[in-house]
Amino acid sequence: MLAFGLAAHAEDNARIGYVKTLSGDANIVSGETSSAARVGSPLKLGDRIITGANASLGLILKDNTVLSLGPDTEISVDDYLYAPAREALRLDARILRGTLHYISGVIARLKPDAVTVRTPTGTIGVRGTRFVVKVAD
């Protein structure tokens, strides 16, 4: 029973957020496995989220950060640590193409310099509460 409890706790910790809204087709790629995104689908560290041509998708991370993706968008959350009791906070996301509307959660409010969003041509350091970025092909 204890081993099961520890495994369930580790699995829960691997989840950094979930799909809150979805319109159209989108996929979540974990390693070599791709699955259709659905409302409620978990997001794990390192997952890539890819939206289709007429899709939009909203993600909520554990710290209430909101990531809204437009059509033909590909992003990943490469580093995420949310342990406010230990003052361990970090969010590093990467957008490869498409559009992203970012709304700050607890991490950015408590430690703004711990949040970065990388693009193919630069890095956005979060110093406010929201922004929109578009990466063209």
C-alpha atoms as a PDB file:
ATOM      1  CA  MET A   1       0.000   0.000   0.000  1.00  0.00           C
ATOM      2  CA  LEU A   2       2.826   2.424   0.814  1.00  0.00           C
ATOM      3  CA  ALA A   3       4.542   1.762  -2.531  1.00  0.00           C
ATOM      4  CA  PHE A   4       1.283   2.486  -4.343  1.00  0.00           C
ATOM      5  CA  GLY A   5       0.889   5.751  -2.405  1.00  0.00           C
ATOM      6  CA  LEU A   6       4.433   6.849  -3.262  1.00  0.00           C
ATOM      7  CA  ALA A   7       3.953   5.990  -6.944  1.00  0.00           C
ATOM      8  CA  ALA A   8       0.687   7.927  -7.073  1.00  0.00           C
ATOM      9  CA  HIS A   9       2.366  10.915  -5.364  1.00  0.00           C
ATOM     10  CA  ALA A  10       5.277  10.837  -7.846  1.00  0.00           C
ATOM     11  CA  GLU A  11       2.842  10.627 -10.761  1.00  0.00           C
ATOM     12  CA  ASP A  12       0.831  13.573  -9.411  1.00  0.00           C
ATOM     13  CA  ASN A  13       4.042  15.607  -9.037  1.00  0.00           C
ATOM     14  CA  ALA A  14       4.915  14.899 -12.681  1.00  0.00           C
ATOM     15  CA  ARG A  15       1.780  16.784 -13.725  1.00  0.00           C
ATOM     16  CA  ILE A  16       2.481  20.475 -14.029  1.00  0.00           C
ATOM     17  CA  GLY A  17      -0.904  21.515 -15.404  1.00  0.00           C
ATOM     18  CA  TYR A  18      -3.811  20.525 -17.580  1.00  0.00           C
ATOM     19  CA  VAL A  19      -5.790  21.459 -20.677  1.00  0.00           C
ATOM     20  CA  LYS A  20      -8.557  23.829 -19.578  1.00  0.00           C
ATOM     21  CA  THR A  21     -10.086  24.704 -22.957  1.00  0.00           C
ATOM     22  CA  LEU A  22      -9.855  23.268 -26.452  1.00  0.00           C
ATOM     23  CA  SER A  23     -11.383  24.156 -29.784  1.00  0.00           C
ATOM     24  CA  GLY A  24     -10.353  22.103 -32.815  1.00  0.00           C
ATOM     25  CA  ASP A  25      -7.590  19.510 -32.907  1.00  0.00           C
ATOM     26  CA  ALA A  26      -4.433  19.531 -30.823  1.00  0.00           C
ATOM     27  CA  ASN A  27      -1.892  16.949 -29.698  1.00  0.00           C
ATOM     28  CA  ILE A  28       0.298  16.457 -26.660  1.00  0.00           C
ATOM     29  CA  VAL A  29       3.633  14.834 -27.476  1.00  0.00           C
ATOM     30  CA  SER A  30       5.382  13.092 -24.565  1.00  0.00           C
ATOM     31  CA  GLY A  31       8.719  11.710 -25.707  1.00  0.00           C
ATOM     32  CA  GLU A  32       7.893   9.595 -28.754  1.00  0.00           C
ATOM     33  CA  THR A  33       4.174   9.270 -27.908  1.00  0.00           C
ATOM     34  CA  SER A  34       1.554  11.617 -29.327  1.00  0.00           C
ATOM     35  CA  SER A  35      -2.033  11.719 -28.095  1.00  0.00           C
ATOM     36  CA  ALA A  36      -5.033  13.874 -28.874  1.00  0.00           C
ATOM     37  CA  ALA A  37      -5.464  16.672 -26.365  1.00  0.00           C
ATOM     38  CA  ARG A  38      -8.764  16.806 -24.529  1.00  0.00           C
ATOM     39  CA  VAL A  39     -10.143  19.107 -21.849  1.00  0.00           C
ATOM     40  CA  GLY A  40      -8.625  17.789 -18.627  1.00  0.00           C
ATOM     41  CA  SER A  41      -5.593  16.168 -20.302  1.00  0.00           C
ATOM     42  CA  PRO A  42      -2.586  16.416 -17.983  1.00  0.00           C
ATOM     43  CA  LEU A  43       0.513  18.357 -18.980  1.00  0.00           C
ATOM     44  CA  LYS A  44       3.858  16.967 -17.865  1.00  0.00           C
ATOM     45  CA  LEU A  45       7.299  18.518 -17.853  1.00  0.00           C
ATOM     46  CA  GLY A  46       8.837  18.380 -21.336  1.00  0.00           C
ATOM     47  CA  ASP A  47       5.558  17.725 -23.169  1.00  0.00           C
ATOM     48  CA  ARG A  48       5.109  19.524 -26.485  1.00  0.00           C
ATOM     49  CA  ILE A  49       1.669  20.890 -27.278  1.00  0.00           C
ATOM     50  CA  ILE A  50       0.806  21.272 -30.942  1.00  0.00           C
ATOM     51  CA  THR A  51      -2.405  22.894 -32.174  1.00  0.00           C
ATOM     52  CA  GLY A  52      -3.976  22.358 -35.587  1.00  0.00           C
ATOM     53  CA  ALA A  53      -4.716  24.917 -38.292  1.00  0.00           C
ATOM     54  CA  ASN A  54      -8.093  25.964 -36.836  1.00  0.00           C
ATOM     55  CA  ALA A  55      -7.445  25.189 -33.172  1.00  0.00           C
ATOM     56  CA  SER A  56      -6.987  27.033 -29.923  1.00  0.00           C
ATOM     57  CA  LEU A  57      -6.050  25.572 -26.564  1.00  0.00           C
ATOM     58  CA  GLY A  58      -5.828  26.904 -23.020  1.00  0.00           C
ATOM     59  CA  LEU A  59      -3.457  25.478 -20.402  1.00  0.00           C
ATOM     60  CA  ILE A  60      -3.519  26.106 -16.659  1.00  0.00           C
ATOM     61  CA  LEU A  61      -0.321  25.354 -14.730  1.00  0.00           C
ATOM     62  CA  LYS A  62      -0.207  24.450 -11.031  1.00  0.00           C
ATOM     63  CA  ASP A  63       0.599  28.045 -10.046  1.00  0.00           C
ATOM     64  CA  ASN A  64      -2.387  29.343 -12.094  1.00  0.00           C
ATOM     65  CA  THR A  65      -0.253  30.554 -14.994  1.00  0.00           C
ATOM     66  CA  VAL A  66      -2.446  30.623 -18.118  1.00  0.00           C
ATOM     67  CA  LEU A  67      -1.002  29.773 -21.536  1.00  0.00           C
ATOM     68  CA  SER A  68      -3.412  30.310 -24.442  1.00  0.00           C
ATOM     69  CA  LEU A  69      -2.298  28.891 -27.785  1.00  0.00           C
ATOM     70  CA  GLY A  70      -3.590  29.933 -31.176  1.00  0.00           C
ATOM     71  CA  PRO A  71      -3.715  27.959 -34.451  1.00  0.00           C
ATOM     72  CA  ASP A  72      -0.611  26.175 -35.754  1.00  0.00           C
ATOM     73  CA  THR A  73       1.263  26.643 -32.482  1.00  0.00           C
ATOM     74  CA  GLU A  74       3.918  24.444 -30.909  1.00  0.00           C
ATOM     75  CA  ILE A  75       5.179  25.020 -27.369  1.00  0.00           C
ATOM     76  CA  SER A  76       6.832  23.085 -24.572  1.00  0.00           C
ATOM     77  CA  VAL A  77       7.394  23.671 -20.878  1.00  0.00           C
ATOM     78  CA  ASP A  78      11.017  22.635 -20.447  1.00  0.00           C
ATOM     79  CA  ASP A  79      11.491  23.519 -16.794  1.00  0.00           C
ATOM     80  CA  TYR A  80       8.891  23.979 -14.083  1.00  0.00           C
ATOM     81  CA  LEU A  81       9.241  24.027 -10.335  1.00  0.00           C
ATOM     82  CA  TYR A  82       6.458  25.160  -8.049  1.00  0.00           C
ATOM     83  CA  ALA A  83       7.294  24.699  -4.382  1.00  0.00           C
ATOM     84  CA  PRO A  84       6.495  28.072  -2.789  1.00  0.00           C
ATOM     85  CA  ALA A  85       6.990  26.794   0.777  1.00  0.00           C
ATOM     86  CA  ARG A  86      10.648  26.133  -0.111  1.00  0.00           C
ATOM     87  CA  GLU A  87      10.860  29.269  -2.269  1.00  0.00           C
ATOM     88  CA  ALA A  88      11.666  26.988  -5.213  1.00  0.00           C
ATOM     89  CA  LEU A  89      10.010  28.576  -8.247  1.00  0.00           C
ATOM     90  CA  ARG A  90      10.850  28.325 -11.923  1.00  0.00           C
ATOM     91  CA  LEU A  91       9.055  28.347 -15.290  1.00  0.00           C
ATOM     92  CA  ASP A  92      10.862  28.015 -18.608  1.00  0.00           C
ATOM     93  CA  ALA A  93       8.673  27.614 -21.690  1.00  0.00           C
ATOM     94  CA  ARG A  94       9.603  27.549 -25.363  1.00  0.00           C
ATOM     95  CA  ILE A  95       7.428  28.537 -28.325  1.00  0.00           C
ATOM     96  CA  LEU A  96       8.623  27.147 -31.646  1.00  0.00           C
ATOM     97  CA  ARG A  97       5.879  28.588 -33.850  1.00  0.00           C
ATOM     98  CA  GLY A  98       2.455  30.181 -33.644  1.00  0.00           C
ATOM     99  CA  THR A  99       0.904  32.485 -31.056  1.00  0.00           C
ATOM    100  CA  LEU A 100       0.911  32.460 -27.287  1.00  0.00           C
ATOM    101  CA  HIS A 101      -0.989  34.640 -24.834  1.00  0.00           C
ATOM    102  CA  TYR A 102       0.638  34.417 -21.403  1.00  0.00           C
ATOM    103  CA  ILE A 103      -1.007  35.469 -18.121  1.00  0.00           C
ATOM    104  CA  SER A 104       1.160  35.358 -15.002  1.00  0.00           C
ATOM    105  CA  GLY A 105       0.525  32.990 -12.162  1.00  0.00           C
ATOM    106  CA  VAL A 106       2.006  32.773  -8.688  1.00  0.00           C
ATOM    107  CA  ILE A 107       5.584  32.122  -9.864  1.00  0.00           C
ATOM    108  CA  ALA A 108       5.800  35.415 -11.780  1.00  0.00           C
ATOM    109  CA  ARG A 109       4.194  37.340  -8.924  1.00  0.00           C
ATOM    110  CA  LEU A 110       6.555  35.950  -6.275  1.00  0.00           C
ATOM    111  CA  LYS A 111       9.735  35.719  -8.350  1.00  0.00           C
ATOM    112  CA  PRO A 112       9.460  37.394 -11.783  1.00  0.00           C
ATOM    113  CA  ASP A 113      13.063  36.644 -12.744  1.00  0.00           C
ATOM    114  CA  ALA A 114      12.291  32.909 -12.474  1.00  0.00           C
ATOM    115  CA  VAL A 115      10.041  32.999 -15.569  1.00  0.00           C
ATOM    116  CA  THR A 116      11.302  32.916 -19.145  1.00  0.00           C
ATOM    117  CA  VAL A 117       9.672  32.197 -22.471  1.00  0.00           C
ATOM    118  CA  ARG A 118      12.101  31.364 -25.254  1.00  0.00           C
ATOM    119  CA  THR A 119      11.469  31.890 -28.967  1.00  0.00           C
ATOM    120  CA  PRO A 120      13.649  30.838 -31.918  1.00  0.00           C
ATOM    121  CA  THR A 121      15.189  34.327 -31.956  1.00  0.00           C
ATOM    122  CA  GLY A 122      15.204  35.484 -28.343  1.00  0.00           C
ATOM    123  CA  THR A 123      14.079  35.126 -24.747  1.00  0.00           C
ATOM    124  CA  ILE A 124      11.255  36.981 -23.030  1.00  0.00           C
ATOM    125  CA  GLY A 125      11.823  37.794 -19.383  1.00  0.00           C
ATOM    126  CA  VAL A 126       8.505  38.231 -17.635  1.00  0.00           C
ATOM    127  CA  ARG A 127       8.232  41.525 -15.782  1.00  0.00           C
ATOM    128  CA  GLY A 128       4.499  42.127 -16.094  1.00  0.00           C
ATOM    129  CA  THR A 129       1.355  40.127 -15.836  1.00  0.00           C
ATOM    130  CA  ARG A 130       0.567  39.339 -19.471  1.00  0.00           C
ATOM    131  CA  PHE A 131       1.900  39.438 -22.998  1.00  0.00           C
ATOM    132  CA  VAL A 132       1.280  38.024 -26.455  1.00  0.00           C
ATOM    133  CA  VAL A 133       3.995  36.610 -28.699  1.00  0.00           C
ATOM    134  CA  LYS A 134       3.810  35.479 -32.324  1.00  0.00           C
ATOM    135  CA  VAL A 135       6.473  33.328 -33.948  1.00  0.00           C
ATOM    136  CA  ALA A 136       6.191  33.187 -37.737  1.00  0.00           C
ATOM    137  CA  ASP A 137       7.542  30.316 -39.830  1.00  0.00           C
END
